[in-house]
Amino acid sequence: MWTRRPALAVVPAAELWDPHTHAAITEWLMRTGRESGSPLVLRLGLAQLTSWAVLSGDLGQAMAAIAEAEAIADAVGGPR
């Protein structure tokens, strides 16, 4: 069910500090966004990856995710 509205599922997972659920949803967003070519889904996944990377102290991964999200925004002409 959460695959229909992943943005609504990922927020409670992050707020409740449920790392397994948050990671599963983020991985699904990243995989689905890449496979479908959907910049919206991929950017949502990258935003969640960035948030989790910062909270876990992996600033390198966070910076890489931000750079990828900015490149996607530039490619589609959307806001950063």
Protein backbone atom coordinates (compact mmCIF):
# COMPACT_ATOMS: atom_id res chain seq x y z
CA MET A 1 0.00 0.00 0.00
CA TRP A 2 2.76 2.49 0.83
CA THR A 3 4.10 2.16 -2.72
CA ARG A 4 1.16 4.25 -3.89
CA ARG A 5 2.07 7.13 -1.56
CA PRO A 6 5.73 6.65 -0.56
CA ALA A 7 6.12 10.25 0.57
CA LEU A 8 3.44 9.68 3.20
CA ALA A 9 5.12 6.48 4.38
CA VAL A 10 8.68 7.71 4.59
CA VAL A 11 7.95 10.64 6.91
CA PRO A 12 6.55 8.56 9.81
CA ALA A 13 9.38 6.05 9.37
CA ALA A 14 11.93 8.83 9.77
CA GLU A 15 10.06 10.54 12.60
CA LEU A 16 9.71 7.28 14.53
CA TRP A 17 13.40 6.46 13.98
CA ASP A 18 12.58 3.20 12.23
CA PRO A 19 15.78 2.74 10.23
CA HIS A 20 14.74 -0.52 8.58
CA THR A 21 11.48 0.83 7.20
CA HIS A 22 13.06 4.15 6.21
CA ALA A 23 15.89 2.35 4.41
CA ALA A 24 13.46 0.01 2.62
CA ILE A 25 11.31 2.89 1.39
CA THR A 26 14.35 4.96 0.37
CA GLU A 27 15.84 2.02 -1.54
CA TRP A 28 12.50 1.45 -3.26
CA LEU A 29 12.29 5.13 -4.23
CA MET A 30 15.82 5.14 -5.62
CA ARG A 31 15.35 1.88 -7.57
CA THR A 32 11.91 2.82 -8.90
CA GLY A 33 13.04 6.33 -9.83
CA ARG A 34 16.03 5.00 -11.77
CA GLU A 35 14.12 2.19 -13.46
CA SER A 36 11.16 4.33 -14.47
CA GLY A 37 13.19 7.42 -15.30
CA SER A 38 10.98 9.51 -13.02
CA PRO A 39 12.92 12.54 -11.79
CA LEU A 40 10.26 13.24 -9.16
CA VAL A 41 10.52 9.81 -7.54
CA LEU A 42 14.30 9.78 -7.79
CA ARG A 43 14.60 13.24 -6.24
CA LEU A 44 12.33 12.17 -3.38
CA GLY A 45 14.56 9.16 -2.81
CA LEU A 46 17.68 11.33 -2.95
CA ALA A 47 16.18 13.76 -0.43
CA GLN A 48 15.49 10.90 1.97
CA LEU A 49 18.94 9.45 1.39
CA THR A 50 20.45 12.86 2.15
CA SER A 51 18.47 13.23 5.37
CA TRP A 52 19.38 9.79 6.62
CA ALA A 53 23.04 10.19 5.64
CA VAL A 54 23.28 13.44 7.61
CA LEU A 55 21.58 11.92 10.65
CA SER A 56 23.94 8.95 10.57
CA GLY A 57 27.01 11.15 10.09
CA ASP A 58 27.87 10.13 6.51
CA LEU A 59 28.37 13.61 5.07
CA GLY A 60 30.12 12.28 1.97
CA GLN A 61 27.06 10.29 0.97
CA ALA A 62 24.85 13.27 1.75
CA MET A 63 26.92 15.55 -0.49
CA ALA A 64 26.85 12.99 -3.32
CA ALA A 65 23.06 12.69 -3.07
CA ILE A 66 22.68 16.49 -3.07
CA ALA A 67 24.91 16.79 -6.13
CA GLU A 68 22.89 14.15 -7.98
CA ALA A 69 19.60 15.84 -7.05
CA GLU A 70 20.94 19.19 -8.28
CA ALA A 71 22.08 17.61 -11.56
CA ILE A 72 18.61 16.15 -12.07
CA ALA A 73 17.01 19.53 -11.32
CA ASP A 74 19.30 21.21 -13.85
CA ALA A 75 18.55 18.53 -16.47
CA VAL A 76 14.78 18.85 -16.18
CA GLY A 77 14.77 22.59 -15.61
CA GLY A 78 13.26 22.31 -12.15
CA PRO A 79 14.09 24.05 -8.89
CA ARG A 80 17.07 22.84 -6.92
